[in-house]
């Protein structure tokens, strides 16, 4: 089956927050998903919008069709490496802080 893929790795965003946006576009028409992401007020929406645009562009290079004939067949977010930092606390203590990263993958395929 012909499909086009775009992967963005090491995004400085928690996977839990990115999954909320990716779940909205999974299974939708690519043009409809781009319009939806444009007006979604989450920071992850800008990143996913650029990644979906890249996947649609990759589909154009593979001659799979225009965005109206494509749909988001697969979209998922995996956890990336975690940056471990420490926050100073009272009485000389320190609390760990985990700055999480994400690997986002979007696959588009022609509508059957």
C-alpha atoms as a PDB file:
ATOM      1  CA  UNK A   1       0.000   0.000   0.000  1.00  0.00           C
ATOM      2  CA  UNK A   2       1.342   3.434  -0.889  1.00  0.00           C
ATOM      3  CA  UNK A   3       1.662   5.946   1.905  1.00  0.00           C
ATOM      4  CA  UNK A   4       3.768   8.928   2.929  1.00  0.00           C
ATOM      5  CA  UNK A   5       5.277   9.450   6.352  1.00  0.00           C
ATOM      6  CA  UNK A   6       6.726  12.328   8.378  1.00  0.00           C
ATOM      7  CA  UNK A   7       8.569  11.858  11.684  1.00  0.00           C
ATOM      8  CA  UNK A   8       9.603  14.566  14.128  1.00  0.00           C
ATOM      9  CA  UNK A   9      11.959  13.441  16.859  1.00  0.00           C
ATOM     10  CA  UNK A  10      13.115  15.035  20.129  1.00  0.00           C
ATOM     11  CA  UNK A  11      10.272  17.571  20.338  1.00  0.00           C
ATOM     12  CA  UNK A  12      10.569  19.418  23.657  1.00  0.00           C
ATOM     13  CA  UNK A  13       6.976  18.660  24.622  1.00  0.00           C
ATOM     14  CA  UNK A  14       5.469  16.062  26.934  1.00  0.00           C
ATOM     15  CA  UNK A  15       3.991  13.087  25.029  1.00  0.00           C
ATOM     16  CA  UNK A  16       0.825  13.265  27.101  1.00  0.00           C
ATOM     17  CA  UNK A  17       0.111  16.796  25.837  1.00  0.00           C
ATOM     18  CA  UNK A  18       1.031  15.996  22.227  1.00  0.00           C
ATOM     19  CA  UNK A  19      -1.242  12.924  22.184  1.00  0.00           C
ATOM     20  CA  UNK A  20      -4.309  15.098  22.875  1.00  0.00           C
ATOM     21  CA  UNK A  21      -3.756  16.919  19.577  1.00  0.00           C
ATOM     22  CA  UNK A  22      -2.686  13.860  17.555  1.00  0.00           C
ATOM     23  CA  UNK A  23      -5.819  11.975  18.654  1.00  0.00           C
ATOM     24  CA  UNK A  24      -7.965  14.749  17.116  1.00  0.00           C
ATOM     25  CA  UNK A  25      -6.543  14.311  13.597  1.00  0.00           C
ATOM     26  CA  UNK A  26      -6.164  10.530  13.413  1.00  0.00           C
ATOM     27  CA  UNK A  27      -8.438   9.072  10.709  1.00  0.00           C
ATOM     28  CA  UNK A  28      -9.491  12.463   9.304  1.00  0.00           C
ATOM     29  CA  UNK A  29      -9.111  13.849   5.808  1.00  0.00           C
ATOM     30  CA  UNK A  30      -5.731  15.630   5.536  1.00  0.00           C
ATOM     31  CA  UNK A  31      -7.190  18.960   4.372  1.00  0.00           C
ATOM     32  CA  UNK A  32      -9.806  18.854   7.135  1.00  0.00           C
ATOM     33  CA  UNK A  33      -7.138  17.995   9.735  1.00  0.00           C
ATOM     34  CA  UNK A  34      -4.942  20.931   8.631  1.00  0.00           C
ATOM     35  CA  UNK A  35      -7.918  23.308   8.986  1.00  0.00           C
ATOM     36  CA  UNK A  36      -8.735  21.883  12.420  1.00  0.00           C
ATOM     37  CA  UNK A  37      -5.157  22.254  13.665  1.00  0.00           C
ATOM     38  CA  UNK A  38      -4.958  25.841  12.435  1.00  0.00           C
ATOM     39  CA  UNK A  39      -7.642  26.873  14.944  1.00  0.00           C
ATOM     40  CA  UNK A  40      -6.704  24.604  17.853  1.00  0.00           C
ATOM     41  CA  UNK A  41      -5.362  26.715  20.756  1.00  0.00           C
ATOM     42  CA  UNK A  42      -2.719  24.277  21.996  1.00  0.00           C
ATOM     43  CA  UNK A  43       1.033  24.630  21.552  1.00  0.00           C
ATOM     44  CA  UNK A  44       1.236  21.050  20.265  1.00  0.00           C
ATOM     45  CA  UNK A  45      -1.153  21.971  17.435  1.00  0.00           C
ATOM     46  CA  UNK A  46       1.454  24.167  15.717  1.00  0.00           C
ATOM     47  CA  UNK A  47       4.010  21.341  15.777  1.00  0.00           C
ATOM     48  CA  UNK A  48       1.551  18.694  14.547  1.00  0.00           C
ATOM     49  CA  UNK A  49       0.267  21.071  11.842  1.00  0.00           C
ATOM     50  CA  UNK A  50       3.781  21.542  10.449  1.00  0.00           C
ATOM     51  CA  UNK A  51       4.410  17.803  10.608  1.00  0.00           C
ATOM     52  CA  UNK A  52       1.131  16.980   8.825  1.00  0.00           C
ATOM     53  CA  UNK A  53       1.959  19.572   6.157  1.00  0.00           C
ATOM     54  CA  UNK A  54       5.311  17.825   5.698  1.00  0.00           C
ATOM     55  CA  UNK A  55       3.619  14.423   5.358  1.00  0.00           C
ATOM     56  CA  UNK A  56       1.214  15.837   2.740  1.00  0.00           C
ATOM     57  CA  UNK A  57       4.178  17.364   0.906  1.00  0.00           C
ATOM     58  CA  UNK A  58       5.971  14.001   0.992  1.00  0.00           C
ATOM     59  CA  UNK A  59       2.819  12.429  -0.498  1.00  0.00           C
ATOM     60  CA  UNK A  60       2.949  15.011  -3.289  1.00  0.00           C
ATOM     61  CA  UNK A  61       6.501  13.988  -4.114  1.00  0.00           C
ATOM     62  CA  UNK A  62       5.399  10.351  -4.248  1.00  0.00           C
ATOM     63  CA  UNK A  63       2.472  11.283  -6.555  1.00  0.00           C
ATOM     64  CA  UNK A  64      -0.197  10.072  -4.111  1.00  0.00           C
ATOM     65  CA  UNK A  65      -2.549  12.978  -4.813  1.00  0.00           C
ATOM     66  CA  UNK A  66      -3.629  16.308  -3.366  1.00  0.00           C
ATOM     67  CA  UNK A  67      -4.624  16.837   0.304  1.00  0.00           C
ATOM     68  CA  UNK A  68      -8.352  16.423  -0.472  1.00  0.00           C
ATOM     69  CA  UNK A  69      -7.690  12.807  -1.505  1.00  0.00           C
ATOM     70  CA  UNK A  70      -5.456  11.946   1.462  1.00  0.00           C
ATOM     71  CA  UNK A  71      -6.335  10.874   4.971  1.00  0.00           C
ATOM     72  CA  UNK A  72      -4.316  10.523   8.171  1.00  0.00           C
ATOM     73  CA  UNK A  73      -4.120   6.739   8.327  1.00  0.00           C
ATOM     74  CA  UNK A  74      -1.765   6.513  11.320  1.00  0.00           C
ATOM     75  CA  UNK A  75      -0.644   9.104  13.849  1.00  0.00           C
ATOM     76  CA  UNK A  76       1.057   8.396  17.147  1.00  0.00           C
ATOM     77  CA  UNK A  77       3.343   9.923  19.767  1.00  0.00           C
ATOM     78  CA  UNK A  78       6.133   8.014  21.487  1.00  0.00           C
ATOM     79  CA  UNK A  79       8.168   9.217  24.435  1.00  0.00           C
ATOM     80  CA  UNK A  80      11.683  10.419  23.751  1.00  0.00           C
ATOM     81  CA  UNK A  81      14.636  10.893  26.083  1.00  0.00           C
ATOM     82  CA  UNK A  82      13.909  12.630  29.380  1.00  0.00           C
ATOM     83  CA  UNK A  83      16.023  15.587  30.520  1.00  0.00           C
ATOM     84  CA  UNK A  84      16.521  15.283  34.278  1.00  0.00           C
ATOM     85  CA  UNK A  85      16.918  18.501  36.235  1.00  0.00           C
ATOM     86  CA  UNK A  86      16.734  19.487  39.908  1.00  0.00           C
ATOM     87  CA  UNK A  87      14.784  22.294  41.575  1.00  0.00           C
ATOM     88  CA  UNK A  88      16.166  23.712  44.842  1.00  0.00           C
ATOM     89  CA  UNK A  89      13.744  23.378  47.758  1.00  0.00           C
ATOM     90  CA  UNK A  90      13.610  24.403  51.392  1.00  0.00           C
ATOM     91  CA  UNK A  91      16.212  23.315  53.968  1.00  0.00           C
ATOM     92  CA  UNK A  92      18.837  22.386  51.375  1.00  0.00           C
ATOM     93  CA  UNK A  93      16.759  19.750  49.642  1.00  0.00           C
ATOM     94  CA  UNK A  94      16.263  19.276  45.906  1.00  0.00           C
ATOM     95  CA  UNK A  95      13.297  17.968  43.923  1.00  0.00           C
ATOM     96  CA  UNK A  96      13.718  16.207  40.593  1.00  0.00           C
ATOM     97  CA  UNK A  97      12.098  17.679  37.478  1.00  0.00           C
ATOM     98  CA  UNK A  98      11.596  15.571  34.341  1.00  0.00           C
ATOM     99  CA  UNK A  99      11.542  17.555  31.106  1.00  0.00           C
ATOM    100  CA  UNK A 100      10.001  15.079  28.706  1.00  0.00           C
ATOM    101  CA  UNK A 101      10.461  14.909  24.931  1.00  0.00           C
ATOM    102  CA  UNK A 102       8.359  13.290  22.201  1.00  0.00           C
ATOM    103  CA  UNK A 103       8.748  11.490  18.895  1.00  0.00           C
ATOM    104  CA  UNK A 104       5.712  12.273  16.693  1.00  0.00           C
ATOM    105  CA  UNK A 105       4.871  10.208  13.588  1.00  0.00           C
ATOM    106  CA  UNK A 106       2.151  10.951  11.020  1.00  0.00           C
ATOM    107  CA  UNK A 107       1.347   8.672   8.052  1.00  0.00           C
ATOM    108  CA  UNK A 108      -1.005   9.743   5.254  1.00  0.00           C
ATOM    109  CA  UNK A 109      -2.454   7.488   2.561  1.00  0.00           C
ATOM    110  CA  UNK A 110      -4.867   7.947  -0.365  1.00  0.00           C
ATOM    111  CA  UNK A 111      -8.595   7.554   0.338  1.00  0.00           C
ATOM    112  CA  UNK A 112      -9.853   4.286  -1.124  1.00  0.00           C
END
